[in-house]
Amino acid sequence: MKEIKSATFGPLPTLLELDLSHNLLTDISRGALNRLVSLQQLSVAYNLLPTIFQIPISLSRLYLNYNEINKIPARAWPTMNALLSLDLSDNYLEDNLERGSFTNLLTLRRLDLSRNYITEPPWESLADVSSLQYLHLQGNNLTSLGKGAFGKLPIVFELNLSENQIVNVSAKAFDGLLQLLKLNLSHNQIENIPNGAFQGLVSLQTLDLSQNMIETLDNKTHGVLDDCLSLERVNLSHNRISFVTRKTFPSDPYQPYKLREVDLSFNVMPVVTFDLTYGTRKLEVLNLSHNAINEVRKGVIGNLTSLKELDLSYNELTELTQPNTFDLPPSLKSLKLRANQLVTLPIGQIEHISFADLRDNQLDYYTEVTKMEKNGSRVLYAGNHINCDCRLRPLKRWILDETSRAVDWVDVKCHIPTSLANKSLLEIDEEQLSCGEAGSEGNEDYDTTPDVKFREIQRDSSGKISLTWYVTAKEDIADFALLVKGRNTFDNQESTLLKKNLAYSTRSAVLSNFPSENGPLELCIVAIDSEGQEREPHNLQCRSLDAERHTASSATVAVRSLFVTTFCVTYLLTFYR
């Protein structure tokens, strides 16, 4: 469609939205939309329109982006009392906006002039839009911002100047923007910002200076941010900052600054000095990732008493265990240390936090991590130099029970011993996690998990023994074998006097008439896998039976007197698993 004529649309009094985008429109005749008296949203984006056409006065949102509009003459608009949002992005306005270009837009709140090849702030054309709150000028060709570059826009809340070519920002460049809350100057070519550049921005809460070439934000006596009395968030990532000084962030004993979030990632800082603590006592989020940090000075982190999130990932840290170096504040909940060169860690300092990213270092495993995981913390540990020994057994058991958390441990691989190198922790059996030289065989927590455990063993007055058990291992178990072991009467060697295979659903049995001539007896429950192979029994899967209190003629009687009670699977799953 190339043209909208006056008769194209008849009277459509109830039409609220009309989308004419992605056509080849070059002309919309005068009065073509006059009979759309209730129209609230109109899109003619992605067309070839060269000028502004006559629009319905009922509109609240108008999309003219991606056309070929190169000029908006004075009084091009009818008196509009409903229009709130106007998108003129991706046209060819250049510096052709003039005083009166937006006259009669009495209620306009949002104006998008992005990517229009504008080289000078269009302050004259904006003077008539006293209701403007959001102004977007990103992706233009602005190179400098002089004093009062945007005139007086008393209620503008957000100004986006990103992706321009701004090099110079003058003192009082934003004078007249008293209510500005958010300023985006990212992706420009700013090297230096003079003191006073942000003077008058007393309401500014969010400042984005990322993706520039800034080296410093102060002149040793005054800071650029001192005028931003309400500043809460500042993004300084992807710059050339090598040091933070005492004047980098605003600080005054008589002025309650409330800086909450600072992003200094992707800079060239080698050391975190105590100067970072000036102006940051209320800081909650600090991102220092992707620098060249190899040292954190004593007392720095501990003095950030309100800090909740700290990111030191992708640096060159090797040591954090020196006294007072890594005393984390109690408020800290998230710590990121990924991709450093840490060999040891002050693990006692991080046990209280909720999230720890320790990936891609050279750390061995700390047993405190298991405790953290069980207490609800989330720890990422892949890419470290882990010695896979019995200390990992409690963690592996916990992961098998908490399957939703297993995803965090899929990529955790063993570094040593060589027999387990590069194998995933989740693929290794507990038996392979040998204590070896760890000397922890006496610790029950590090013991392997038995396939089954006895739930209860009871002996009645007649000597019958009733036993129940439950399955504990998450392994391949298809059936059970019940064994009674004792001394053979012929050669006095230990042998199996009774063996009875039981279905997997069986969870109880009754035994009576034990052979006294075979001495002390031992009862074992052995798991059988799906291939019919008996699994190696754990010592907890066997119990001694006192044969002296019972009499019988032979072991054969014991076999005949074994009564097995099998419960239905539903009952067993409900009460015994």
Protein backbone atom coordinates (compact mmCIF):
# COMPACT_ATOMS: atom_id res chain seq x y z
CA MET A 1 0.00 0.00 0.00
CA LYS A 2 1.46 3.35 -1.11
CA GLU A 3 -1.26 5.89 -0.36
CA ILE A 4 -4.16 6.51 1.99
CA LYS A 5 -6.85 8.56 0.29
CA SER A 6 -9.60 10.57 1.92
CA ALA A 7 -12.17 7.88 1.15
CA THR A 8 -10.05 4.90 2.17
CA PHE A 9 -11.57 4.75 5.65
CA GLY A 10 -15.23 5.42 6.22
CA PRO A 11 -16.66 6.45 9.59
CA LEU A 12 -15.34 4.05 12.21
CA PRO A 13 -16.43 5.69 15.47
CA THR A 14 -15.44 2.76 17.72
CA LEU A 15 -11.99 2.01 16.28
CA LEU A 16 -9.32 2.36 19.00
CA GLU A 17 -6.12 1.08 17.34
CA LEU A 18 -4.91 1.17 13.73
CA ASP A 19 -1.67 -0.42 12.47
CA LEU A 20 -0.46 0.64 9.00
CA SER A 21 3.18 -0.23 9.57
CA HIS A 22 5.44 -2.09 7.13
CA ASN A 23 3.88 -0.73 3.96
CA LEU A 24 5.19 1.58 1.22
CA LEU A 25 3.16 4.63 2.20
CA THR A 26 4.38 7.94 0.78
CA ASP A 27 1.25 10.01 1.35
CA ILE A 28 -1.75 10.15 3.64
CA SER A 29 -4.31 12.58 2.27
CA ARG A 30 -5.59 15.44 4.35
CA GLY A 31 -8.66 14.36 6.24
CA ALA A 32 -8.13 10.65 5.50
CA LEU A 33 -8.27 9.82 9.21
CA ASN A 34 -10.68 12.52 10.37
CA ARG A 35 -13.62 10.18 10.83
CA LEU A 36 -11.70 7.90 13.21
CA VAL A 37 -12.95 9.96 16.11
CA SER A 38 -12.10 7.46 18.87
CA LEU A 39 -8.70 6.33 17.61
CA GLN A 40 -6.16 6.18 20.45
CA GLN A 41 -3.16 4.39 18.93
CA LEU A 42 -1.84 4.78 15.38
CA SER A 43 1.26 3.14 13.90
CA VAL A 44 2.61 4.10 10.46
CA ALA A 45 6.12 2.88 11.25
CA TYR A 46 8.33 1.37 8.56
CA ASN A 47 6.95 3.34 5.64
CA LEU A 48 8.26 6.07 3.30
CA LEU A 49 6.40 9.12 4.61
CA PRO A 50 8.38 12.37 4.09
CA THR A 51 6.20 14.74 6.14
CA ILE A 52 3.74 14.92 9.00
CA PHE A 53 0.15 14.29 7.93
CA GLN A 54 -3.10 15.38 9.56
CA ILE A 55 -3.75 13.15 12.55
CA PRO A 56 -6.85 12.52 14.69
CA ILE A 57 -6.84 14.69 17.80
CA SER A 58 -8.00 11.76 19.94
CA LEU A 59 -4.64 9.95 19.65
CA SER A 60 -2.67 9.11 22.79
CA ARG A 61 0.17 7.16 21.09
CA LEU A 62 1.62 7.85 17.63
CA TYR A 63 4.38 5.79 15.98
CA LEU A 64 6.15 7.49 13.04
CA ASN A 65 9.46 5.67 13.41
CA TYR A 66 11.37 4.33 10.42
CA ASN A 67 10.06 6.75 7.82
CA GLU A 68 11.76 9.48 5.76
CA ILE A 69 10.59 12.54 7.66
CA ASN A 70 13.22 15.30 7.33
CA LYS A 71 11.40 18.31 8.68
CA ILE A 72 8.61 19.26 11.06
CA PRO A 73 7.49 22.83 10.32
CA ALA A 74 6.05 25.11 12.98
CA ARG A 75 2.46 24.33 13.87
CA ALA A 76 2.48 21.03 12.03
CA TRP A 77 0.26 19.57 14.74
CA PRO A 78 -3.35 20.32 15.62
CA THR A 79 -4.08 21.17 19.23
CA MET A 80 -3.63 17.83 21.00
CA ASN A 81 -4.93 17.29 24.51
CA ALA A 82 -4.56 13.50 24.57
CA LEU A 83 -1.23 12.66 22.89
CA LEU A 84 1.15 11.18 25.47
CA SER A 85 3.78 9.38 23.39
CA LEU A 86 5.36 10.32 20.03
CA ASP A 87 7.96 8.08 18.35
CA LEU A 88 9.95 9.81 15.59
CA SER A 89 13.02 7.61 15.83
CA ASP A 90 14.95 6.46 12.75
CA ASN A 91 14.02 9.32 10.44
CA TYR A 92 16.15 12.05 8.82
CA LEU A 93 15.39 15.11 10.92
CA GLU A 94 19.06 16.09 11.32
CA ASP A 95 19.18 19.67 12.72
CA ASN A 96 15.97 20.77 10.99
CA LEU A 97 13.83 20.94 14.12
CA GLU A 98 12.86 24.52 14.89
CA ARG A 99 10.95 26.51 17.45
CA GLY A 100 7.35 25.50 17.08
CA SER A 101 8.01 22.01 15.69
CA PHE A 102 6.16 20.55 18.66
CA THR A 103 3.74 23.39 19.38
CA ASN A 104 0.21 22.32 20.34
CA LEU A 105 1.31 18.98 21.84
CA LEU A 106 -0.03 20.08 25.19
CA THR A 107 0.15 16.76 27.06
CA LEU A 108 3.14 15.04 25.42
CA ARG A 109 5.15 13.04 27.98
CA ARG A 110 7.43 10.81 25.89
CA LEU A 111 9.35 11.93 22.79
CA ASP A 112 11.72 9.62 20.89
CA LEU A 113 14.13 11.34 18.47
CA SER A 114 16.68 8.52 18.39
CA ARG A 115 18.84 7.94 15.31
CA ASN A 116 17.94 11.09 13.37
CA TYR A 117 21.47 12.35 12.58
CA ILE A 118 21.04 15.25 15.01
CA THR A 119 24.33 17.05 15.79
CA GLU A 120 23.09 19.75 18.21
CA PRO A 121 20.66 19.43 21.12
CA PRO A 122 17.29 20.66 19.73
CA TRP A 123 16.57 22.87 22.72
CA GLU A 124 14.56 25.49 20.78
CA SER A 125 12.06 22.97 19.45
CA LEU A 126 11.69 21.42 22.91
CA ALA A 127 10.92 24.70 24.63
CA ASP A 128 7.22 24.43 23.79
CA VAL A 129 6.80 20.95 25.28
CA SER A 130 6.43 21.88 28.93
CA SER A 131 4.79 18.54 29.79
CA LEU A 132 7.71 16.41 28.52
CA GLN A 133 8.95 13.72 30.96
CA TYR A 134 10.96 11.26 28.83
CA LEU A 135 13.34 12.39 26.07
CA HIS A 136 15.28 9.89 23.93
CA LEU A 137 18.15 11.15 21.77
CA GLN A 138 20.34 8.05 21.60
CA GLY A 139 22.11 7.06 18.41
CA ASN A 140 22.52 10.58 17.02
CA ASN A 141 25.66 12.57 16.14
CA LEU A 142 25.93 14.83 19.17
CA THR A 143 29.57 15.74 19.88
CA SER A 144 29.38 18.32 22.68
CA LEU A 145 27.01 19.55 25.35
CA GLY A 146 27.27 23.25 26.10
CA LYS A 147 25.91 25.11 29.09
CA GLY A 148 22.15 24.61 29.40
CA ALA A 149 22.21 22.36 26.35
CA PHE A 150 18.55 21.40 26.64
CA GLY A 151 17.04 24.64 27.88
CA LYS A 152 14.47 24.49 30.64
CA LEU A 153 12.58 21.24 30.80
CA PRO A 154 11.31 21.43 34.37
CA ILE A 155 9.66 18.01 34.63
CA VAL A 156 11.82 15.78 32.42
CA PHE A 157 12.51 12.60 34.41
CA GLU A 158 14.64 10.65 31.94
CA LEU A 159 17.18 11.76 29.31
CA ASN A 160 18.90 9.20 27.07
CA LEU A 161 22.00 10.44 25.21
CA SER A 162 23.69 7.08 24.71
CA GLU A 163 25.39 5.99 21.48
CA ASN A 164 26.32 9.47 20.32
CA GLN A 165 29.80 10.88 19.73
CA ILE A 166 29.94 13.17 22.73
CA VAL A 167 33.46 14.25 23.65
CA ASN A 168 32.93 17.45 25.63
CA VAL A 169 30.50 18.08 28.47
CA SER A 170 30.54 21.68 29.72
CA ALA A 171 29.87 22.93 33.23
CA LYS A 172 26.14 23.29 33.88
CA ALA A 173 25.40 21.30 30.72
CA PHE A 174 22.16 20.06 32.23
CA ASP A 175 21.07 23.29 33.87
CA GLY A 176 17.28 23.55 33.74
CA LEU A 177 16.57 19.84 34.30
CA LEU A 178 15.69 20.13 37.96
CA GLN A 179 13.53 16.98 38.10
CA LEU A 180 15.82 14.71 36.06
CA LEU A 181 15.94 11.25 37.69
CA LYS A 182 17.81 9.18 35.09
CA LEU A 183 20.63 10.28 32.76
CA ASN A 184 22.23 7.93 30.23
CA LEU A 185 25.55 9.04 28.68
CA SER A 186 26.83 5.56 27.85
CA HIS A 187 28.57 4.58 24.60
CA ASN A 188 30.12 7.97 23.89
CA GLN A 189 33.70 9.23 23.65
CA ILE A 190 33.93 11.15 26.91
CA GLU A 191 37.43 11.30 28.39
CA ASN A 192 37.01 14.01 30.98
CA ILE A 193 34.04 15.52 32.79
CA PRO A 194 34.69 18.90 34.41
CA ASN A 195 33.52 19.75 37.90
CA GLY A 196 30.12 21.37 37.76
CA ALA A 197 28.98 19.40 34.71
CA PHE A 198 26.10 17.95 36.71
CA GLN A 199 25.33 21.10 38.67
CA GLY A 200 21.61 21.50 39.11
CA LEU A 201 20.82 17.79 38.93
CA VAL A 202 19.75 17.67 42.55
CA SER A 203 17.10 14.99 41.86
CA LEU A 204 19.26 12.66 39.75
CA GLN A 205 19.08 9.06 41.00
CA THR A 206 20.61 7.00 38.17
CA LEU A 207 23.67 7.96 36.10
CA ASP A 208 25.09 5.77 33.32
CA LEU A 209 28.60 6.72 32.14
CA SER A 210 29.57 3.27 30.88
CA GLN A 211 31.36 2.59 27.61
CA ASN A 212 33.38 5.82 27.55
CA MET A 213 37.07 6.65 28.02
CA ILE A 214 36.90 8.22 31.48
CA GLU A 215 40.02 7.98 33.66
CA THR A 216 38.99 10.01 36.71
CA LEU A 217 35.97 11.73 38.23
CA ASP A 218 37.69 14.31 40.42
CA ASN A 219 40.42 16.95 40.48
CA LYS A 220 41.78 15.83 43.89
CA THR A 221 39.79 18.52 45.75
CA HIS A 222 36.29 18.19 44.31
CA GLY A 223 34.37 15.35 42.71
CA VAL A 224 32.24 15.47 39.57
CA LEU A 225 29.40 13.72 41.39
CA ASP A 226 29.30 16.10 44.37
CA ASP A 227 26.37 18.02 42.84
CA CYS A 228 24.22 14.89 42.54
CA LEU A 229 22.64 15.04 45.98
CA SER A 230 20.12 12.24 45.34
CA LEU A 231 22.37 9.86 43.38
CA GLU A 232 21.67 6.17 44.11
CA ARG A 233 23.11 4.26 41.13
CA VAL A 234 26.16 5.02 38.96
CA ASN A 235 27.48 2.85 36.13
CA LEU A 236 31.16 3.45 35.32
CA SER A 237 31.85 0.15 33.58
CA HIS A 238 33.95 -0.13 30.41
CA ASN A 239 36.09 2.95 31.05
CA ARG A 240 39.79 3.53 31.84
CA ILE A 241 39.60 4.06 35.58
CA SER A 242 42.71 2.76 37.35
CA PHE A 243 42.17 4.08 40.88
CA VAL A 244 39.32 5.20 43.09
CA THR A 245 40.18 8.25 45.17
CA ARG A 246 38.54 9.80 48.22
CA LYS A 247 36.71 12.25 45.93
CA THR A 248 35.46 9.79 43.33
CA PHE A 249 32.14 9.33 45.10
CA PRO A 250 30.29 12.13 46.91
CA SER A 251 30.84 12.30 50.65
CA ASP A 252 30.02 15.03 53.15
CA PRO A 253 29.31 14.75 56.89
CA TYR A 254 26.58 17.38 56.54
CA GLN A 255 24.95 16.00 53.39
CA PRO A 256 23.21 12.59 53.60
CA TYR A 257 24.26 11.11 50.27
CA LYS A 258 22.62 7.75 49.59
CA LEU A 259 24.68 6.00 46.90
CA ARG A 260 23.42 2.40 46.71
CA GLU A 261 24.90 0.80 43.57
CA VAL A 262 28.27 1.24 41.83
CA ASP A 263 29.46 -0.61 38.72
CA LEU A 264 33.22 -0.33 38.09
CA SER A 265 33.53 -3.47 35.99
CA PHE A 266 35.70 -3.63 32.87
CA ASN A 267 38.19 -0.99 34.00
CA VAL A 268 41.94 -1.25 34.69
CA MET A 269 42.08 -1.20 38.49
CA PRO A 270 45.01 -3.20 39.96
CA VAL A 271 44.33 -2.60 43.67
CA VAL A 272 41.28 -1.96 45.84
CA THR A 273 42.44 0.69 48.32
CA PHE A 274 40.86 2.10 51.45
CA ASP A 275 39.83 5.20 49.47
CA LEU A 276 36.96 3.11 48.13
CA THR A 277 35.25 3.38 51.52
CA TYR A 278 34.72 7.15 51.14
CA GLY A 279 31.19 7.91 49.99
CA THR A 280 30.21 4.25 49.93
CA ARG A 281 29.12 3.54 53.49
CA LYS A 282 25.52 3.01 52.29
CA LEU A 283 26.57 1.02 49.24
CA GLU A 284 24.57 -2.19 48.70
CA VAL A 285 25.83 -3.39 45.30
CA LEU A 286 29.47 -3.15 44.14
CA ASN A 287 30.71 -4.62 40.86
CA LEU A 288 34.51 -4.73 40.43
CA SER A 289 34.61 -7.60 37.96
CA HIS A 290 36.81 -7.73 34.85
CA ASN A 291 39.59 -5.51 36.17
CA ALA A 292 43.21 -6.40 36.91
CA ILE A 293 42.80 -6.53 40.70
CA ASN A 294 45.50 -8.56 42.42
CA GLU A 295 45.19 -7.07 45.90
CA VAL A 296 42.43 -6.00 48.26
CA ARG A 297 43.81 -3.79 51.02
CA LYS A 298 42.99 -4.47 54.68
CA GLY A 299 39.72 -3.19 56.07
CA VAL A 300 38.19 -2.14 52.75
CA ILE A 301 35.43 -4.72 52.34
CA GLY A 302 34.66 -4.85 56.05
CA ASN A 303 33.98 -1.11 56.15
CA LEU A 304 31.30 -1.34 53.47
CA THR A 305 28.83 -2.11 56.23
CA SER A 306 25.67 -2.02 54.09
CA LEU A 307 27.01 -4.13 51.23
CA LYS A 308 24.72 -6.92 49.99
CA GLU A 309 26.29 -7.90 46.65
CA LEU A 310 30.01 -7.94 45.80
CA ASP A 311 31.42 -9.00 42.43
CA LEU A 312 35.20 -9.52 42.17
CA SER A 313 35.08 -12.09 39.38
CA TYR A 314 37.50 -12.14 36.45
CA ASN A 315 40.41 -10.52 38.25
CA GLU A 316 43.88 -11.69 39.29
CA LEU A 317 43.37 -12.39 42.99
CA THR A 318 45.57 -15.09 44.50
CA GLU A 319 45.33 -14.41 48.23
CA LEU A 320 42.45 -13.38 50.48
CA THR A 321 43.43 -15.06 53.75
CA GLN A 322 45.54 -12.28 55.25
CA PRO A 323 44.09 -10.90 58.52
CA ASN A 324 41.42 -8.18 58.06
CA THR A 325 41.61 -8.46 54.27
CA PHE A 326 38.37 -10.26 53.65
CA ASP A 327 36.23 -9.56 56.70
CA LEU A 328 32.88 -9.57 54.98
CA PRO A 329 30.08 -7.44 56.46
CA PRO A 330 27.15 -9.39 57.96
CA SER A 331 24.83 -7.75 55.42
CA LEU A 332 26.54 -9.46 52.45
CA LYS A 333 24.33 -12.01 50.69
CA SER A 334 26.00 -12.50 47.30
CA LEU A 335 29.72 -12.96 46.56
CA LYS A 336 31.22 -13.57 43.12
CA LEU A 337 34.88 -14.60 42.87
CA ARG A 338 34.78 -16.49 39.59
CA ALA A 339 37.85 -16.74 37.34
CA ASN A 340 40.56 -15.55 39.70
CA GLN A 341 43.68 -17.48 40.74
CA LEU A 342 42.65 -18.36 44.29
CA VAL A 343 44.32 -21.39 45.85
CA THR A 344 42.88 -20.93 49.33
CA LEU A 345 39.81 -19.20 50.66
CA PRO A 346 38.81 -17.77 54.06
CA ILE A 347 35.85 -20.12 54.04
CA GLY A 348 34.78 -19.11 57.53
CA GLN A 349 34.08 -15.61 56.25
CA ILE A 350 31.61 -16.70 53.59
CA GLU A 351 29.58 -19.36 55.41
CA HIS A 352 26.77 -16.89 56.15
CA ILE A 353 26.13 -15.69 52.59
CA SER A 354 23.28 -16.93 50.40
CA PHE A 355 25.08 -17.09 47.05
CA ALA A 356 28.75 -17.71 46.27
CA ASP A 357 30.21 -18.05 42.78
CA LEU A 358 33.64 -19.65 43.26
CA ARG A 359 34.02 -21.18 39.80
CA ASP A 360 37.21 -21.35 37.76
CA ASN A 361 39.79 -20.92 40.52
CA GLN A 362 42.35 -23.38 41.89
CA LEU A 363 40.50 -24.32 45.06
CA ASP A 364 40.29 -27.73 46.69
CA TYR A 365 36.94 -28.67 48.18
CA TYR A 366 35.92 -27.20 51.53
CA THR A 367 33.60 -29.32 53.66
CA GLU A 368 31.93 -26.10 54.83
CA VAL A 369 30.40 -25.86 51.36
CA THR A 370 28.29 -28.93 52.13
CA LYS A 371 26.97 -27.23 55.25
CA MET A 372 26.19 -24.07 53.27
CA GLU A 373 24.24 -26.02 50.65
CA LYS A 374 22.24 -27.89 53.29
CA ASN A 375 21.40 -24.58 54.98
CA GLY A 376 19.91 -23.20 51.77
CA SER A 377 22.87 -21.30 50.30
CA ARG A 378 23.77 -21.71 46.65
CA VAL A 379 27.44 -22.35 45.82
CA LEU A 380 28.88 -22.62 42.30
CA TYR A 381 32.14 -24.59 42.32
CA ALA A 382 32.91 -25.87 38.82
CA GLY A 383 36.36 -25.43 37.31
CA ASN A 384 38.36 -25.82 40.52
CA HIS A 385 41.18 -28.22 41.48
CA ILE A 386 39.10 -30.62 43.55
CA ASN A 387 40.57 -33.66 45.28
CA CYS A 388 37.70 -36.13 45.01
CA ASP A 389 37.91 -38.06 48.26
CA CYS A 390 35.47 -39.14 50.95
CA ARG A 391 34.88 -35.55 52.09
CA LEU A 392 32.55 -35.24 49.09
CA ARG A 393 30.31 -38.15 50.09
CA PRO A 394 27.93 -36.08 52.25
CA LEU A 395 27.60 -33.55 49.42
CA LYS A 396 26.91 -36.23 46.83
CA ARG A 397 24.21 -37.80 49.01
CA TRP A 398 22.60 -34.40 49.50
CA ILE A 399 22.62 -33.68 45.75
CA LEU A 400 20.92 -37.02 45.07
CA ASP A 401 18.17 -36.08 47.51
CA GLU A 402 17.85 -32.46 46.31
CA THR A 403 17.64 -33.08 42.57
CA SER A 404 16.61 -29.48 41.84
CA ARG A 405 20.06 -28.33 42.95
CA ALA A 406 21.98 -30.91 40.91
CA VAL A 407 22.25 -28.52 37.95
CA ASP A 408 24.81 -26.45 39.87
CA TRP A 409 27.07 -29.49 40.23
CA VAL A 410 26.82 -31.07 36.78
CA ASP A 411 30.04 -29.40 35.60
CA VAL A 412 32.00 -29.99 38.81
CA LYS A 413 34.84 -32.35 37.90
CA CYS A 414 37.66 -34.02 39.78
CA HIS A 415 41.20 -32.74 39.42
CA ILE A 416 42.82 -35.52 41.44
CA PRO A 417 43.30 -38.46 41.92
CA THR A 418 44.37 -39.18 38.35
CA SER A 419 41.98 -42.14 38.18
CA LEU A 420 39.06 -39.73 38.54
CA ALA A 421 40.52 -36.73 36.70
CA ASN A 422 37.98 -34.83 34.57
CA LYS A 423 35.13 -37.04 35.72
CA SER A 424 31.93 -35.35 36.85
CA LEU A 425 31.16 -35.61 40.55
CA LEU A 426 27.64 -36.75 39.73
CA GLU A 427 28.95 -39.68 37.68
CA ILE A 428 31.21 -41.08 40.40
CA ASP A 429 30.05 -43.74 42.86
CA GLU A 430 30.51 -43.14 46.56
CA GLU A 431 32.89 -46.08 46.72
CA GLN A 432 35.23 -44.29 44.30
CA LEU A 433 35.43 -41.31 46.65
CA SER A 434 38.07 -42.99 48.77
CA CYS A 435 39.34 -41.49 51.98
CA GLY A 436 42.85 -42.66 51.21
CA GLU A 437 45.32 -40.27 52.78
CA ALA A 438 42.60 -37.97 54.05
CA GLY A 439 42.52 -39.97 57.28
CA SER A 440 38.77 -39.57 57.68
CA GLU A 441 37.62 -43.19 57.80
CA GLY A 442 36.50 -42.73 61.41
CA ASN A 443 34.05 -39.98 60.51
CA GLU A 444 30.56 -41.41 59.94
CA ASP A 445 29.64 -38.51 57.66
CA TYR A 446 32.32 -39.63 55.23
CA ASP A 447 31.22 -43.26 55.22
CA THR A 448 29.53 -44.71 52.15
CA THR A 449 25.76 -45.01 52.04
CA PRO A 450 24.43 -48.57 52.54
CA ASP A 451 21.97 -49.88 49.98
CA VAL A 452 19.47 -50.64 52.74
CA LYS A 453 19.14 -49.95 56.44
CA PHE A 454 17.33 -51.87 59.14
CA ARG A 455 14.32 -49.94 60.34
CA GLU A 456 13.46 -52.25 63.24
CA ILE A 457 14.39 -55.70 64.61
CA GLN A 458 12.15 -57.23 67.30
CA ARG A 459 12.30 -60.59 69.11
CA ASP A 460 9.15 -62.01 70.72
CA SER A 461 8.85 -64.43 73.66
CA SER A 462 8.88 -67.47 71.38
CA GLY A 463 12.20 -66.44 69.86
CA LYS A 464 10.85 -65.30 66.50
CA ILE A 465 12.58 -62.30 65.01
CA SER A 466 10.62 -59.75 62.98
CA LEU A 467 12.65 -57.34 60.89
CA THR A 468 11.85 -54.41 58.60
CA TRP A 469 14.13 -52.34 56.40
CA TYR A 470 14.13 -49.45 53.92
CA VAL A 471 16.16 -48.50 50.86
CA THR A 472 18.66 -45.64 51.24
CA ALA A 473 20.80 -45.73 48.09
CA LYS A 474 19.90 -44.10 44.77
CA GLU A 475 21.51 -46.93 42.84
CA ASP A 476 20.48 -49.78 40.53
CA ILE A 477 18.56 -52.07 42.91
CA ALA A 478 16.13 -54.64 41.51
CA ASP A 479 15.75 -57.24 44.29
CA PHE A 480 17.13 -58.29 47.69
CA ALA A 481 18.81 -61.37 49.09
CA LEU A 482 18.33 -62.30 52.75
CA LEU A 483 21.36 -64.14 54.15
CA VAL A 484 21.95 -65.93 57.45
CA LYS A 485 25.63 -66.69 58.09
CA GLY A 486 27.22 -68.97 60.68
CA ARG A 487 29.95 -71.58 61.32
CA ASN A 488 29.78 -74.77 59.23
CA THR A 489 29.61 -77.85 61.50
CA PHE A 490 32.03 -79.81 59.28
CA ASP A 491 35.01 -77.50 59.02
CA ASN A 492 34.05 -74.68 61.41
CA GLN A 493 34.39 -72.15 58.56
CA GLU A 494 31.96 -69.26 58.16
CA SER A 495 29.38 -70.04 55.52
CA THR A 496 25.95 -68.99 54.33
CA LEU A 497 23.37 -71.15 56.09
CA LEU A 498 20.38 -69.51 54.47
CA LYS A 499 19.84 -67.46 51.34
CA LYS A 500 16.46 -66.27 50.18
CA ASN A 501 15.81 -63.89 47.26
CA LEU A 502 13.09 -61.32 47.87
CA ALA A 503 11.23 -59.00 45.51
CA TYR A 504 12.09 -55.30 45.55
CA SER A 505 8.70 -54.48 47.04
CA THR A 506 9.44 -56.61 50.12
CA ARG A 507 10.28 -54.62 53.23
CA SER A 508 9.80 -57.15 56.08
CA ALA A 509 10.45 -60.76 57.11
CA VAL A 510 9.94 -63.11 60.10
CA LEU A 511 12.65 -65.60 61.20
CA SER A 512 12.48 -68.47 63.74
CA ASN A 513 14.20 -71.77 64.79
CA PHE A 514 17.84 -70.76 64.51
CA PRO A 515 20.40 -73.61 64.50
CA SER A 516 22.31 -73.55 67.76
CA GLU A 517 25.11 -75.82 66.61
CA ASN A 518 26.31 -73.21 64.16
CA GLY A 519 27.28 -70.72 66.86
CA PRO A 520 26.65 -66.98 66.63
CA LEU A 521 24.65 -66.05 63.53
CA GLU A 522 24.74 -62.96 61.34
CA LEU A 523 21.80 -61.65 59.35
CA CYS A 524 22.47 -59.63 56.15
CA ILE A 525 20.32 -57.98 53.51
CA VAL A 526 22.13 -57.70 50.17
CA ALA A 527 20.92 -55.64 47.19
CA ILE A 528 20.78 -57.25 43.74
CA ASP A 529 21.06 -55.06 40.64
CA SER A 530 19.01 -55.32 37.44
CA GLU A 531 21.57 -57.69 35.92
CA GLY A 532 21.23 -60.13 38.81
CA GLN A 533 24.56 -59.29 40.41
CA GLU A 534 24.86 -58.95 44.17
CA ARG A 535 26.14 -55.55 45.25
CA GLU A 536 28.90 -55.40 47.86
CA PRO A 537 27.13 -55.12 51.24
CA HIS A 538 27.88 -52.31 53.64
CA ASN A 539 28.62 -53.31 57.25
CA LEU A 540 25.37 -51.62 58.30
CA GLN A 541 23.47 -54.14 56.19
CA CYS A 542 24.39 -56.98 58.60
CA ARG A 543 23.32 -57.64 62.22
CA SER A 544 24.45 -60.30 64.73
CA LEU A 545 21.80 -62.71 66.06
CA ASP A 546 22.06 -64.41 69.47
CA ALA A 547 21.58 -68.12 68.67
CA GLU A 548 22.04 -69.35 72.21
CA ARG A 549 18.47 -68.51 73.25
CA HIS A 550 16.94 -70.67 70.50
CA THR A 551 17.13 -74.37 69.69
CA ALA A 552 16.57 -76.33 66.51
CA SER A 553 17.67 -79.58 64.93
CA SER A 554 19.42 -78.18 61.92
CA ALA A 555 19.88 -75.32 59.54
CA THR A 556 17.31 -76.97 57.30
CA VAL A 557 14.62 -76.21 59.84
CA ALA A 558 15.64 -72.58 59.76
CA VAL A 559 15.15 -72.51 56.02
CA ARG A 560 11.68 -74.04 56.34
CA SER A 561 10.77 -71.64 59.11
CA LEU A 562 11.49 -68.45 57.19
CA PHE A 563 8.30 -66.56 56.62
CA VAL A 564 8.37 -63.55 54.38
CA THR A 565 5.61 -61.05 54.41
CA THR A 566 5.34 -58.85 51.35
CA PHE A 567 3.44 -55.62 51.53
CA CYS A 568 1.87 -53.90 48.54
CA VAL A 569 4.07 -51.34 46.83
CA THR A 570 1.74 -48.47 47.62
CA TYR A 571 1.83 -49.19 51.32
CA LEU A 572 5.58 -49.55 51.32
CA LEU A 573 6.21 -46.31 49.47
CA THR A 574 3.92 -44.52 51.86
CA PHE A 575 5.29 -45.81 55.13
CA TYR A 576 8.79 -47.12 54.59
CA ARG A 577 10.56 -45.05 51.93
